[in-house]
Amino acid sequence: MTHRRYALSIPIGLLLAVAHAVDAHAILLSTTPEIGKVLQGPEAPIKLRFNSIIDGKRSRLMLIAPDGSRSTLEIGDQPSPDTLTSQAKKLKSGPYIIQWQVLANDGHITRGEVSFRVQ
């Protein structure tokens, strides 16, 4: 009986460890602009909402322009602890990528990209 109980505790322990690891990273829930969206420009409000509290002071937003140039986007005041905002200005026609790196309140860094186009 003890061996059976021990044998069952290992898979359950692994499952809990994996569930905790998955929950440990900030997941992007919604974006403005939406992924793949076509905007009129020349300005675009940026809003990224995550599933956890984000440290805005230690997070980064980078804009990659159609010519490949990169510029750091200033992160504005956080309207809520799970949201980052910024403003992209002087956008010309073509594809853009917002690269984001956030620090969640649990200390994990998560990175990702949001692509959109300006007409």
PDB file of N, CA and C in Angstrom:
ATOM      1  N   MET A   1       0.816  -1.186   0.000  1.00  0.00           N
ATOM      2  CA  MET A   1       0.000   0.000   0.000  1.00  0.00           C
ATOM      3  C   MET A   1       0.869   1.263   0.000  1.00  0.00           C
ATOM      4  N   THR A   2       1.939   1.269   0.758  1.00  0.00           N
ATOM      5  CA  THR A   2       2.812   2.438   0.824  1.00  0.00           C
ATOM      6  C   THR A   2       3.502   2.679  -0.505  1.00  0.00           C
ATOM      7  N   HIS A   3       3.897   1.618  -1.195  1.00  0.00           N
ATOM      8  CA  HIS A   3       4.556   1.766  -2.484  1.00  0.00           C
ATOM      9  C   HIS A   3       3.608   2.374  -3.513  1.00  0.00           C
ATOM     10  N   ARG A   4       2.362   1.946  -3.475  1.00  0.00           N
ATOM     11  CA  ARG A   4       1.364   2.462  -4.416  1.00  0.00           C
ATOM     12  C   ARG A   4       1.144   3.964  -4.171  1.00  0.00           C
ATOM     13  N   ARG A   5       1.022   4.357  -2.920  1.00  0.00           N
ATOM     14  CA  ARG A   5       0.812   5.763  -2.573  1.00  0.00           C
ATOM     15  C   ARG A   5       2.020   6.596  -3.049  1.00  0.00           C
ATOM     16  N   TYR A   6       3.220   6.082  -2.825  1.00  0.00           N
ATOM     17  CA  TYR A   6       4.439   6.757  -3.254  1.00  0.00           C
ATOM     18  C   TYR A   6       4.490   6.870  -4.776  1.00  0.00           C
ATOM     19  N   ALA A   7       4.135   5.824  -5.481  1.00  0.00           N
ATOM     20  CA  ALA A   7       4.146   5.817  -6.944  1.00  0.00           C
ATOM     21  C   ALA A   7       3.168   6.854  -7.511  1.00  0.00           C
ATOM     22  N   LEU A   8       2.036   7.043  -6.854  1.00  0.00           N
ATOM     23  CA  LEU A   8       1.070   8.044  -7.312  1.00  0.00           C
ATOM     24  C   LEU A   8       1.507   9.458  -6.985  1.00  0.00           C
ATOM     25  N   SER A   9       2.275   9.646  -5.931  1.00  0.00           N
ATOM     26  CA  SER A   9       2.673  11.003  -5.536  1.00  0.00           C
ATOM     27  C   SER A   9       3.688  11.602  -6.502  1.00  0.00           C
ATOM     28  N   ILE A  10       4.491  10.795  -7.159  1.00  0.00           N
ATOM     29  CA  ILE A  10       5.471  11.319  -8.110  1.00  0.00           C
ATOM     30  C   ILE A  10       4.793  11.969  -9.310  1.00  0.00           C
ATOM     31  N   PRO A  11       3.866  11.301 -10.019  1.00  0.00           N
ATOM     32  CA  PRO A  11       3.211  11.968 -11.144  1.00  0.00           C
ATOM     33  C   PRO A  11       2.417  13.204 -10.716  1.00  0.00           C
ATOM     34  N   ILE A  12       1.776  13.148  -9.577  1.00  0.00           N
ATOM     35  CA  ILE A  12       1.011  14.310  -9.121  1.00  0.00           C
ATOM     36  C   ILE A  12       1.955  15.460  -8.807  1.00  0.00           C
ATOM     37  N   GLY A  13       3.097  15.168  -8.191  1.00  0.00           N
ATOM     38  CA  GLY A  13       4.088  16.210  -7.906  1.00  0.00           C
ATOM     39  C   GLY A  13       4.624  16.835  -9.177  1.00  0.00           C
ATOM     40  N   LEU A  14       4.886  16.025 -10.194  1.00  0.00           N
ATOM     41  CA  LEU A  14       5.360  16.554 -11.479  1.00  0.00           C
ATOM     42  C   LEU A  14       4.301  17.425 -12.141  1.00  0.00           C
ATOM     43  N   LEU A  15       3.054  16.996 -12.081  1.00  0.00           N
ATOM     44  CA  LEU A  15       1.967  17.778 -12.654  1.00  0.00           C
ATOM     45  C   LEU A  15       1.853  19.138 -11.981  1.00  0.00           C
ATOM     46  N   LEU A  16       1.953  19.171 -10.670  1.00  0.00           N
ATOM     47  CA  LEU A  16       1.879  20.445  -9.948  1.00  0.00           C
ATOM     48  C   LEU A  16       3.061  21.337 -10.285  1.00  0.00           C
ATOM     49  N   ALA A  17       4.248  20.771 -10.443  1.00  0.00           N
ATOM     50  CA  ALA A  17       5.433  21.552 -10.793  1.00  0.00           C
ATOM     51  C   ALA A  17       5.280  22.166 -12.174  1.00  0.00           C
ATOM     52  N   VAL A  18       4.766  21.405 -13.130  1.00  0.00           N
ATOM     53  CA  VAL A  18       4.545  21.921 -14.484  1.00  0.00           C
ATOM     54  C   VAL A  18       3.467  22.996 -14.475  1.00  0.00           C
ATOM     55  N   ALA A  19       2.400  22.783 -13.738  1.00  0.00           N
ATOM     56  CA  ALA A  19       1.332  23.780 -13.658  1.00  0.00           C
ATOM     57  C   ALA A  19       1.852  25.074 -13.072  1.00  0.00           C
ATOM     58  N   HIS A  20       2.718  24.994 -12.054  1.00  0.00           N
ATOM     59  CA  HIS A  20       3.290  26.200 -11.466  1.00  0.00           C
ATOM     60  C   HIS A  20       4.206  26.899 -12.457  1.00  0.00           C
ATOM     61  N   ALA A  21       5.006  26.152 -13.213  1.00  0.00           N
ATOM     62  CA  ALA A  21       5.920  26.743 -14.195  1.00  0.00           C
ATOM     63  C   ALA A  21       5.150  27.457 -15.292  1.00  0.00           C
ATOM     64  N   VAL A  22       4.047  26.892 -15.740  1.00  0.00           N
ATOM     65  CA  VAL A  22       3.243  27.515 -16.786  1.00  0.00           C
ATOM     66  C   VAL A  22       2.617  28.806 -16.272  1.00  0.00           C
ATOM     67  N   ASP A  23       2.182  28.795 -15.018  1.00  0.00           N
ATOM     68  CA  ASP A  23       1.542  29.959 -14.420  1.00  0.00           C
ATOM     69  C   ASP A  23       2.550  31.060 -14.102  1.00  0.00           C
ATOM     70  N   ALA A  24       3.844  30.761 -14.132  1.00  0.00           N
ATOM     71  CA  ALA A  24       4.863  31.688 -13.670  1.00  0.00           C
ATOM     72  C   ALA A  24       5.191  32.789 -14.675  1.00  0.00           C
ATOM     73  N   HIS A  25       4.785  32.704 -15.908  1.00  0.00           N
ATOM     74  CA  HIS A  25       5.152  33.687 -16.911  1.00  0.00           C
ATOM     75  C   HIS A  25       3.958  34.545 -17.300  1.00  0.00           C
ATOM     76  N   ALA A  26       4.261  35.818 -17.609  1.00  0.00           N
ATOM     77  CA  ALA A  26       3.211  36.722 -18.062  1.00  0.00           C
ATOM     78  C   ALA A  26       2.778  36.307 -19.466  1.00  0.00           C
ATOM     79  N   ILE A  27       1.492  36.175 -19.661  1.00  0.00           N
ATOM     80  CA  ILE A  27       0.939  35.810 -20.964  1.00  0.00           C
ATOM     81  C   ILE A  27       0.179  37.006 -21.503  1.00  0.00           C
ATOM     82  N   LEU A  28       0.452  37.360 -22.754  1.00  0.00           N
ATOM     83  CA  LEU A  28      -0.224  38.484 -23.399  1.00  0.00           C
ATOM     84  C   LEU A  28      -1.670  38.094 -23.690  1.00  0.00           C
ATOM     85  N   LEU A  29      -2.619  38.863 -23.140  1.00  0.00           N
ATOM     86  CA  LEU A  29      -4.042  38.568 -23.326  1.00  0.00           C
ATOM     87  C   LEU A  29      -4.668  39.387 -24.446  1.00  0.00           C
ATOM     88  N   SER A  30      -4.268  40.658 -24.561  1.00  0.00           N
ATOM     89  CA  SER A  30      -4.834  41.503 -25.621  1.00  0.00           C
ATOM     90  C   SER A  30      -3.848  42.602 -25.996  1.00  0.00           C
ATOM     91  N   THR A  31      -3.977  43.073 -27.235  1.00  0.00           N
ATOM     92  CA  THR A  31      -3.073  44.112 -27.739  1.00  0.00           C
ATOM     93  C   THR A  31      -3.834  45.172 -28.509  1.00  0.00           C
ATOM     94  N   THR A  32      -3.323  46.380 -28.419  1.00  0.00           N
ATOM     95  CA  THR A  32      -3.724  47.479 -29.293  1.00  0.00           C
ATOM     96  C   THR A  32      -2.429  48.058 -29.825  1.00  0.00           C
ATOM     97  N   PRO A  33      -2.194  48.014 -31.127  1.00  0.00           N
ATOM     98  CA  PRO A  33      -3.092  47.482 -32.149  1.00  0.00           C
ATOM     99  C   PRO A  33      -3.158  45.960 -32.088  1.00  0.00           C
ATOM    100  N   GLU A  34      -4.234  45.423 -32.625  1.00  0.00           N
ATOM    101  CA  GLU A  34      -4.382  43.976 -32.701  1.00  0.00           C
ATOM    102  C   GLU A  34      -3.339  43.415 -33.657  1.00  0.00           C
ATOM    103  N   ILE A  35      -2.935  42.178 -33.414  1.00  0.00           N
ATOM    104  CA  ILE A  35      -1.947  41.524 -34.266  1.00  0.00           C
ATOM    105  C   ILE A  35      -2.471  41.470 -35.696  1.00  0.00           C
ATOM    106  N   GLY A  36      -1.656  41.955 -36.652  1.00  0.00           N
ATOM    107  CA  GLY A  36      -2.024  41.946 -38.056  1.00  0.00           C
ATOM    108  C   GLY A  36      -2.897  43.106 -38.496  1.00  0.00           C
ATOM    109  N   LYS A  37      -3.261  43.984 -37.595  1.00  0.00           N
ATOM    110  CA  LYS A  37      -4.154  45.109 -37.894  1.00  0.00           C
ATOM    111  C   LYS A  37      -3.475  46.084 -38.866  1.00  0.00           C
ATOM    112  N   VAL A  38      -4.273  46.706 -39.747  1.00  0.00           N
ATOM    113  CA  VAL A  38      -3.792  47.752 -40.643  1.00  0.00           C
ATOM    114  C   VAL A  38      -4.279  49.090 -40.091  1.00  0.00           C
ATOM    115  N   LEU A  39      -3.323  49.981 -39.808  1.00  0.00           N
ATOM    116  CA  LEU A  39      -3.632  51.287 -39.228  1.00  0.00           C
ATOM    117  C   LEU A  39      -3.442  52.393 -40.256  1.00  0.00           C
ATOM    118  N   GLN A  40      -4.051  53.522 -40.013  1.00  0.00           N
ATOM    119  CA  GLN A  40      -3.911  54.677 -40.890  1.00  0.00           C
ATOM    120  C   GLN A  40      -2.655  55.482 -40.564  1.00  0.00           C
ATOM    121  N   GLY A  41      -2.225  55.512 -39.285  1.00  0.00           N
ATOM    122  CA  GLY A  41      -1.039  56.279 -38.909  1.00  0.00           C
ATOM    123  C   GLY A  41      -1.308  57.763 -38.993  1.00  0.00           C
ATOM    124  N   PRO A  42      -0.414  58.657 -38.791  1.00  0.00           N
ATOM    125  CA  PRO A  42       1.009  58.421 -38.491  1.00  0.00           C
ATOM    126  C   PRO A  42       1.287  58.114 -37.022  1.00  0.00           C
ATOM    127  N   GLU A  43       0.234  58.059 -36.193  1.00  0.00           N
ATOM    128  CA  GLU A  43       0.417  57.720 -34.787  1.00  0.00           C
ATOM    129  C   GLU A  43      -0.419  56.495 -34.441  1.00  0.00           C
ATOM    130  N   ALA A  44       0.052  55.771 -33.433  1.00  0.00           N
ATOM    131  CA  ALA A  44      -0.688  54.574 -33.001  1.00  0.00           C
ATOM    132  C   ALA A  44      -0.569  54.426 -31.489  1.00  0.00           C
ATOM    133  N   PRO A  45      -1.716  54.378 -30.802  1.00  0.00           N
ATOM    134  CA  PRO A  45      -1.656  54.072 -29.368  1.00  0.00           C
ATOM    135  C   PRO A  45      -1.307  52.595 -29.186  1.00  0.00           C
ATOM    136  N   ILE A  46      -0.524  52.304 -28.169  1.00  0.00           N
ATOM    137  CA  ILE A  46      -0.111  50.934 -27.899  1.00  0.00           C
ATOM    138  C   ILE A  46      -0.568  50.562 -26.490  1.00  0.00           C
ATOM    139  N   LYS A  47      -1.189  49.390 -26.388  1.00  0.00           N
ATOM    140  CA  LYS A  47      -1.660  48.892 -25.096  1.00  0.00           C
ATOM    141  C   LYS A  47      -1.507  47.379 -25.087  1.00  0.00           C
ATOM    142  N   LEU A  48      -0.765  46.863 -24.133  1.00  0.00           N
ATOM    143  CA  LEU A  48      -0.559  45.430 -23.987  1.00  0.00           C
ATOM    144  C   LEU A  48      -1.080  45.021 -22.608  1.00  0.00           C
ATOM    145  N   ARG A  49      -2.006  44.056 -22.587  1.00  0.00           N
ATOM    146  CA  ARG A  49      -2.581  43.587 -21.321  1.00  0.00           C
ATOM    147  C   ARG A  49      -2.183  42.133 -21.099  1.00  0.00           C
ATOM    148  N   PHE A  50      -1.724  41.833 -19.887  1.00  0.00           N
ATOM    149  CA  PHE A  50      -1.206  40.523 -19.541  1.00  0.00           C
ATOM    150  C   PHE A  50      -2.072  39.845 -18.473  1.00  0.00           C
ATOM    151  N   ASN A  51      -1.773  38.594 -18.206  1.00  0.00           N
ATOM    152  CA  ASN A  51      -2.534  37.823 -17.226  1.00  0.00           C
ATOM    153  C   ASN A  51      -1.993  37.979 -15.803  1.00  0.00           C
ATOM    154  N   SER A  52      -1.003  38.838 -15.623  1.00  0.00           N
ATOM    155  CA  SER A  52      -0.432  39.031 -14.291  1.00  0.00           C
ATOM    156  C   SER A  52       0.055  40.460 -14.128  1.00  0.00           C
ATOM    157  N   ILE A  53       0.411  40.806 -12.920  1.00  0.00           N
ATOM    158  CA  ILE A  53       0.937  42.142 -12.639  1.00  0.00           C
ATOM    159  C   ILE A  53       2.299  42.282 -13.312  1.00  0.00           C
ATOM    160  N   ILE A  54       2.526  43.425 -13.958  1.00  0.00           N
ATOM    161  CA  ILE A  54       3.753  43.695 -14.710  1.00  0.00           C
ATOM    162  C   ILE A  54       4.499  44.851 -14.046  1.00  0.00           C
ATOM    163  N   ASP A  55       5.821  44.724 -13.937  1.00  0.00           N
ATOM    164  CA  ASP A  55       6.656  45.811 -13.436  1.00  0.00           C
ATOM    165  C   ASP A  55       6.987  46.718 -14.612  1.00  0.00           C
ATOM    166  N   GLY A  56       6.248  47.816 -14.742  1.00  0.00           N
ATOM    167  CA  GLY A  56       6.423  48.727 -15.870  1.00  0.00           C
ATOM    168  C   GLY A  56       7.793  49.366 -15.936  1.00  0.00           C
ATOM    169  N   LYS A  57       8.402  49.622 -14.792  1.00  0.00           N
ATOM    170  CA  LYS A  57       9.715  50.271 -14.763  1.00  0.00           C
ATOM    171  C   LYS A  57      10.830  49.358 -15.263  1.00  0.00           C
ATOM    172  N   ARG A  58      10.619  48.062 -15.180  1.00  0.00           N
ATOM    173  CA  ARG A  58      11.645  47.113 -15.616  1.00  0.00           C
ATOM    174  C   ARG A  58      11.259  46.387 -16.905  1.00  0.00           C
ATOM    175  N   SER A  59      10.223  46.849 -17.546  1.00  0.00           N
ATOM    176  CA  SER A  59       9.786  46.252 -18.810  1.00  0.00           C
ATOM    177  C   SER A  59      10.243  47.130 -19.966  1.00  0.00           C
ATOM    178  N   ARG A  60      10.262  46.581 -21.175  1.00  0.00           N
ATOM    179  CA  ARG A  60      10.756  47.307 -22.358  1.00  0.00           C
ATOM    180  C   ARG A  60       9.829  47.086 -23.551  1.00  0.00           C
ATOM    181  N   LEU A  61       9.678  48.152 -24.354  1.00  0.00           N
ATOM    182  CA  LEU A  61       8.966  48.077 -25.631  1.00  0.00           C
ATOM    183  C   LEU A  61       9.882  48.636 -26.709  1.00  0.00           C
ATOM    184  N   MET A  62      10.042  47.897 -27.802  1.00  0.00           N
ATOM    185  CA  MET A  62      10.891  48.307 -28.911  1.00  0.00           C
ATOM    186  C   MET A  62      10.052  48.271 -30.186  1.00  0.00           C
ATOM    187  N   LEU A  63      10.171  49.312 -31.015  1.00  0.00           N
ATOM    188  CA  LEU A  63       9.454  49.369 -32.287  1.00  0.00           C
ATOM    189  C   LEU A  63      10.445  49.130 -33.420  1.00  0.00           C
ATOM    190  N   ILE A  64      10.147  48.143 -34.262  1.00  0.00           N
ATOM    191  CA  ILE A  64      10.967  47.865 -35.436  1.00  0.00           C
ATOM    192  C   ILE A  64      10.207  48.377 -36.651  1.00  0.00           C
ATOM    193  N   ALA A  65      10.815  49.326 -37.363  1.00  0.00           N
ATOM    194  CA  ALA A  65      10.202  49.986 -38.517  1.00  0.00           C
ATOM    195  C   ALA A  65      10.392  49.152 -39.782  1.00  0.00           C
ATOM    196  N   PRO A  66       9.675  49.514 -40.863  1.00  0.00           N
ATOM    197  CA  PRO A  66       9.802  48.759 -42.123  1.00  0.00           C
ATOM    198  C   PRO A  66      11.234  48.687 -42.651  1.00  0.00           C
ATOM    199  N   ASP A  67      12.055  49.705 -42.371  1.00  0.00           N
ATOM    200  CA  ASP A  67      13.445  49.700 -42.850  1.00  0.00           C
ATOM    201  C   ASP A  67      14.385  48.937 -41.917  1.00  0.00           C
ATOM    202  N   GLY A  68      13.839  48.346 -40.849  1.00  0.00           N
ATOM    203  CA  GLY A  68      14.643  47.571 -39.924  1.00  0.00           C
ATOM    204  C   GLY A  68      15.196  48.372 -38.755  1.00  0.00           C
ATOM    205  N   SER A  69      15.005  49.676 -38.790  1.00  0.00           N
ATOM    206  CA  SER A  69      15.507  50.493 -37.675  1.00  0.00           C
ATOM    207  C   SER A  69      14.692  50.213 -36.419  1.00  0.00           C
ATOM    208  N   ARG A  70      15.343  50.383 -35.285  1.00  0.00           N
ATOM    209  CA  ARG A  70      14.720  50.103 -33.997  1.00  0.00           C
ATOM    210  C   ARG A  70      14.686  51.364 -33.156  1.00  0.00           C
ATOM    211  N   SER A  71      13.588  51.516 -32.435  1.00  0.00           N
ATOM    212  CA  SER A  71      13.504  52.633 -31.498  1.00  0.00           C
ATOM    213  C   SER A  71      12.781  52.165 -30.239  1.00  0.00           C
ATOM    214  N   THR A  72      13.269  52.640 -29.114  1.00  0.00           N
ATOM    215  CA  THR A  72      12.658  52.296 -27.834  1.00  0.00           C
ATOM    216  C   THR A  72      11.406  53.140 -27.654  1.00  0.00           C
ATOM    217  N   LEU A  73      10.323  52.494 -27.280  1.00  0.00           N
ATOM    218  CA  LEU A  73       9.079  53.196 -26.997  1.00  0.00           C
ATOM    219  C   LEU A  73       9.013  53.478 -25.501  1.00  0.00           C
ATOM    220  N   GLU A  74       8.691  54.707 -25.164  1.00  0.00           N
ATOM    221  CA  GLU A  74       8.561  55.078 -23.762  1.00  0.00           C
ATOM    222  C   GLU A  74       7.271  54.487 -23.205  1.00  0.00           C
ATOM    223  N   ILE A  75       7.397  53.816 -22.079  1.00  0.00           N
ATOM    224  CA  ILE A  75       6.229  53.229 -21.433  1.00  0.00           C
ATOM    225  C   ILE A  75       5.562  54.306 -20.588  1.00  0.00           C
ATOM    226  N   GLY A  76       4.269  54.506 -20.829  1.00  0.00           N
ATOM    227  CA  GLY A  76       3.509  55.505 -20.096  1.00  0.00           C
ATOM    228  C   GLY A  76       3.065  54.988 -18.740  1.00  0.00           C
ATOM    229  N   ASP A  77       2.284  55.803 -18.059  1.00  0.00           N
ATOM    230  CA  ASP A  77       1.711  55.377 -16.775  1.00  0.00           C
ATOM    231  C   ASP A  77       0.858  54.131 -17.006  1.00  0.00           C
ATOM    232  N   GLN A  78       0.931  53.211 -16.079  1.00  0.00           N
ATOM    233  CA  GLN A  78       0.155  51.983 -16.193  1.00  0.00           C
ATOM    234  C   GLN A  78      -1.278  52.246 -15.745  1.00  0.00           C
ATOM    235  N   PRO A  79      -2.258  52.081 -16.659  1.00  0.00           N
ATOM    236  CA  PRO A  79      -3.648  52.283 -16.275  1.00  0.00           C
ATOM    237  C   PRO A  79      -4.147  51.223 -15.293  1.00  0.00           C
ATOM    238  N   SER A  80      -3.503  50.063 -15.314  1.00  0.00           N
ATOM    239  CA  SER A  80      -3.765  48.999 -14.338  1.00  0.00           C
ATOM    240  C   SER A  80      -2.472  48.185 -14.211  1.00  0.00           C
ATOM    241  N   PRO A  81      -2.284  47.448 -13.135  1.00  0.00           N
ATOM    242  CA  PRO A  81      -1.023  46.733 -12.897  1.00  0.00           C
ATOM    243  C   PRO A  81      -0.683  45.662 -13.933  1.00  0.00           C
ATOM    244  N   ASP A  82      -1.659  45.236 -14.722  1.00  0.00           N
ATOM    245  CA  ASP A  82      -1.413  44.190 -15.724  1.00  0.00           C
ATOM    246  C   ASP A  82      -1.252  44.742 -17.135  1.00  0.00           C
ATOM    247  N   THR A  83      -1.144  46.075 -17.275  1.00  0.00           N
ATOM    248  CA  THR A  83      -1.186  46.708 -18.597  1.00  0.00           C
ATOM    249  C   THR A  83      -0.030  47.681 -18.798  1.00  0.00           C
ATOM    250  N   LEU A  84       0.551  47.653 -20.013  1.00  0.00           N
ATOM    251  CA  LEU A  84       1.550  48.634 -20.428  1.00  0.00           C
ATOM    252  C   LEU A  84       0.975  49.463 -21.567  1.00  0.00           C
ATOM    253  N   THR A  85       1.284  50.762 -21.578  1.00  0.00           N
ATOM    254  CA  THR A  85       0.831  51.632 -22.656  1.00  0.00           C
ATOM    255  C   THR A  85       2.005  52.437 -23.199  1.00  0.00           C
ATOM    256  N   SER A  86       1.866  52.850 -24.452  1.00  0.00           N
ATOM    257  CA  SER A  86       2.854  53.706 -25.092  1.00  0.00           C
ATOM    258  C   SER A  86       2.185  54.381 -26.289  1.00  0.00           C
ATOM    259  N   GLN A  87       2.965  55.135 -27.042  1.00  0.00           N
ATOM    260  CA  GLN A  87       2.461  55.815 -28.234  1.00  0.00           C
ATOM    261  C   GLN A  87       3.561  55.760 -29.286  1.00  0.00           C
ATOM    262  N   ALA A  88       3.245  55.219 -30.470  1.00  0.00           N
ATOM    263  CA  ALA A  88       4.181  55.228 -31.592  1.00  0.00           C
ATOM    264  C   ALA A  88       3.838  56.431 -32.466  1.00  0.00           C
ATOM    265  N   LYS A  89       4.856  57.202 -32.842  1.00  0.00           N
ATOM    266  CA  LYS A  89       4.628  58.433 -33.608  1.00  0.00           C
ATOM    267  C   LYS A  89       5.440  58.422 -34.890  1.00  0.00           C
ATOM    268  N   LYS A  90       5.020  59.266 -35.816  1.00  0.00           N
ATOM    269  CA  LYS A  90       5.708  59.458 -37.103  1.00  0.00           C
ATOM    270  C   LYS A  90       5.859  58.150 -37.876  1.00  0.00           C
ATOM    271  N   LEU A  91       4.804  57.350 -37.883  1.00  0.00           N
ATOM    272  CA  LEU A  91       4.829  56.074 -38.587  1.00  0.00           C
ATOM    273  C   LEU A  91       4.609  56.290 -40.077  1.00  0.00           C
ATOM    274  N   LYS A  92       5.420  55.642 -40.875  1.00  0.00           N
ATOM    275  CA  LYS A  92       5.275  55.664 -42.328  1.00  0.00           C
ATOM    276  C   LYS A  92       4.630  54.363 -42.772  1.00  0.00           C
ATOM    277  N   SER A  93       4.257  54.267 -44.029  1.00  0.00           N
ATOM    278  CA  SER A  93       3.628  53.047 -44.547  1.00  0.00           C
ATOM    279  C   SER A  93       4.573  51.859 -44.459  1.00  0.00           C
ATOM    280  N   GLY A  94       3.989  50.706 -44.140  1.00  0.00           N
ATOM    281  CA  GLY A  94       4.773  49.487 -44.119  1.00  0.00           C
ATOM    282  C   GLY A  94       4.519  48.664 -42.872  1.00  0.00           C
ATOM    283  N   PRO A  95       5.208  47.513 -42.771  1.00  0.00           N
ATOM    284  CA  PRO A  95       5.020  46.613 -41.632  1.00  0.00           C
ATOM    285  C   PRO A  95       5.870  47.040 -40.423  1.00  0.00           C
ATOM    286  N   TYR A  96       5.291  46.910 -39.244  1.00  0.00           N
ATOM    287  CA  TYR A  96       5.978  47.233 -37.991  1.00  0.00           C
ATOM    288  C   TYR A  96       5.876  46.054 -37.040  1.00  0.00           C
ATOM    289  N   ILE A  97       6.830  45.998 -36.121  1.00  0.00           N
ATOM    290  CA  ILE A  97       6.817  44.982 -35.071  1.00  0.00           C
ATOM    291  C   ILE A  97       7.084  45.679 -33.743  1.00  0.00           C
ATOM    292  N   ILE A  98       6.262  45.372 -32.767  1.00  0.00           N
ATOM    293  CA  ILE A  98       6.521  45.804 -31.399  1.00  0.00           C
ATOM    294  C   ILE A  98       7.106  44.599 -30.679  1.00  0.00           C
ATOM    295  N   GLN A  99       8.341  44.718 -30.230  1.00  0.00           N
ATOM    296  CA  GLN A  99       8.950  43.675 -29.414  1.00  0.00           C
ATOM    297  C   GLN A  99       8.773  44.092 -27.954  1.00  0.00           C
ATOM    298  N   TRP A 100       8.243  43.190 -27.157  1.00  0.00           N
ATOM    299  CA  TRP A 100       8.040  43.510 -25.747  1.00  0.00           C
ATOM    300  C   TRP A 100       8.794  42.534 -24.860  1.00  0.00           C
ATOM    301  N   GLN A 101       9.239  43.060 -23.744  1.00  0.00           N
ATOM    302  CA  GLN A 101       9.879  42.259 -22.708  1.00  0.00           C
ATOM    303  C   GLN A 101       9.318  42.766 -21.391  1.00  0.00           C
ATOM    304  N   VAL A 102       8.691  41.890 -20.634  1.00  0.00           N
ATOM    305  CA  VAL A 102       8.068  42.301 -19.379  1.00  0.00           C
ATOM    306  C   VAL A 102       8.599  41.481 -18.219  1.00  0.00           C
ATOM    307  N   LEU A 103       8.596  42.124 -17.059  1.00  0.00           N
ATOM    308  CA  LEU A 103       8.952  41.453 -15.829  1.00  0.00           C
ATOM    309  C   LEU A 103       7.678  41.301 -15.012  1.00  0.00           C
ATOM    310  N   ALA A 104       7.273  40.061 -14.804  1.00  0.00           N
ATOM    311  CA  ALA A 104       6.065  39.791 -14.025  1.00  0.00           C
ATOM    312  C   ALA A 104       6.390  39.914 -12.536  1.00  0.00           C
ATOM    313  N   ASN A 105       5.367  40.046 -11.722  1.00  0.00           N
ATOM    314  CA  ASN A 105       5.568  40.235 -10.293  1.00  0.00           C
ATOM    315  C   ASN A 105       6.228  39.042  -9.610  1.00  0.00           C
ATOM    316  N   ASP A 106       6.263  37.881 -10.269  1.00  0.00           N
ATOM    317  CA  ASP A 106       6.924  36.707  -9.695  1.00  0.00           C
ATOM    318  C   ASP A 106       8.411  36.651 -10.048  1.00  0.00           C
ATOM    319  N   GLY A 107       8.904  37.660 -10.790  1.00  0.00           N
ATOM    320  CA  GLY A 107      10.319  37.732 -11.131  1.00  0.00           C
ATOM    321  C   GLY A 107      10.696  37.116 -12.467  1.00  0.00           C
ATOM    322  N   HIS A 108       9.750  36.546 -13.201  1.00  0.00           N
ATOM    323  CA  HIS A 108      10.039  35.936 -14.501  1.00  0.00           C
ATOM    324  C   HIS A 108       9.932  36.969 -15.624  1.00  0.00           C
ATOM    325  N   ILE A 109      10.868  36.904 -16.561  1.00  0.00           N
ATOM    326  CA  ILE A 109      10.858  37.767 -17.744  1.00  0.00           C
ATOM    327  C   ILE A 109      10.225  36.997 -18.890  1.00  0.00           C
ATOM    328  N   THR A 110       9.331  37.671 -19.615  1.00  0.00           N
ATOM    329  CA  THR A 110       8.688  37.075 -20.785  1.00  0.00           C
ATOM    330  C   THR A 110       8.879  38.034 -21.951  1.00  0.00           C
ATOM    331  N   ARG A 111       9.060  37.490 -23.149  1.00  0.00           N
ATOM    332  CA  ARG A 111       9.254  38.299 -24.356  1.00  0.00           C
ATOM    333  C   ARG A 111       8.277  37.867 -25.435  1.00  0.00           C
ATOM    334  N   GLY A 112       7.994  38.794 -26.354  1.00  0.00           N
ATOM    335  CA  GLY A 112       7.132  38.465 -27.476  1.00  0.00           C
ATOM    336  C   GLY A 112       7.104  39.597 -28.482  1.00  0.00           C
ATOM    337  N   GLU A 113       6.287  39.418 -29.508  1.00  0.00           N
ATOM    338  CA  GLU A 113       6.171  40.397 -30.590  1.00  0.00           C
ATOM    339  C   GLU A 113       4.725  40.580 -30.995  1.00  0.00           C
ATOM    340  N   VAL A 114       4.425  41.783 -31.451  1.00  0.00           N
ATOM    341  CA  VAL A 114       3.120  42.111 -32.016  1.00  0.00           C
ATOM    342  C   VAL A 114       3.394  42.806 -33.347  1.00  0.00           C
ATOM    343  N   SER A 115       2.869  42.261 -34.427  1.00  0.00           N
ATOM    344  CA  SER A 115       3.085  42.866 -35.737  1.00  0.00           C
ATOM    345  C   SER A 115       1.814  43.563 -36.212  1.00  0.00           C
ATOM    346  N   PHE A 116       2.014  44.690 -36.921  1.00  0.00           N
ATOM    347  CA  PHE A 116       0.894  45.418 -37.515  1.00  0.00           C
ATOM    348  C   PHE A 116       1.430  46.165 -38.734  1.00  0.00           C
ATOM    349  N   ARG A 117       0.542  46.782 -39.463  1.00  0.00           N
ATOM    350  CA  ARG A 117       0.925  47.474 -40.695  1.00  0.00           C
ATOM    351  C   ARG A 117       0.304  48.867 -40.692  1.00  0.00           C
ATOM    352  N   VAL A 118       1.035  49.807 -41.295  1.00  0.00           N
ATOM    353  CA  VAL A 118       0.531  51.180 -41.470  1.00  0.00           C
ATOM    354  C   VAL A 118       0.332  51.399 -42.960  1.00  0.00           C
ATOM    355  N   GLN A 119      -0.845  51.966 -43.304  1.00  0.00           N
ATOM    356  CA  GLN A 119      -1.131  52.251 -44.715  1.00  0.00           C
ATOM    357  C   GLN A 119      -0.617  53.609 -45.108  1.00  0.00           C
TER     358      GLN A 119
END
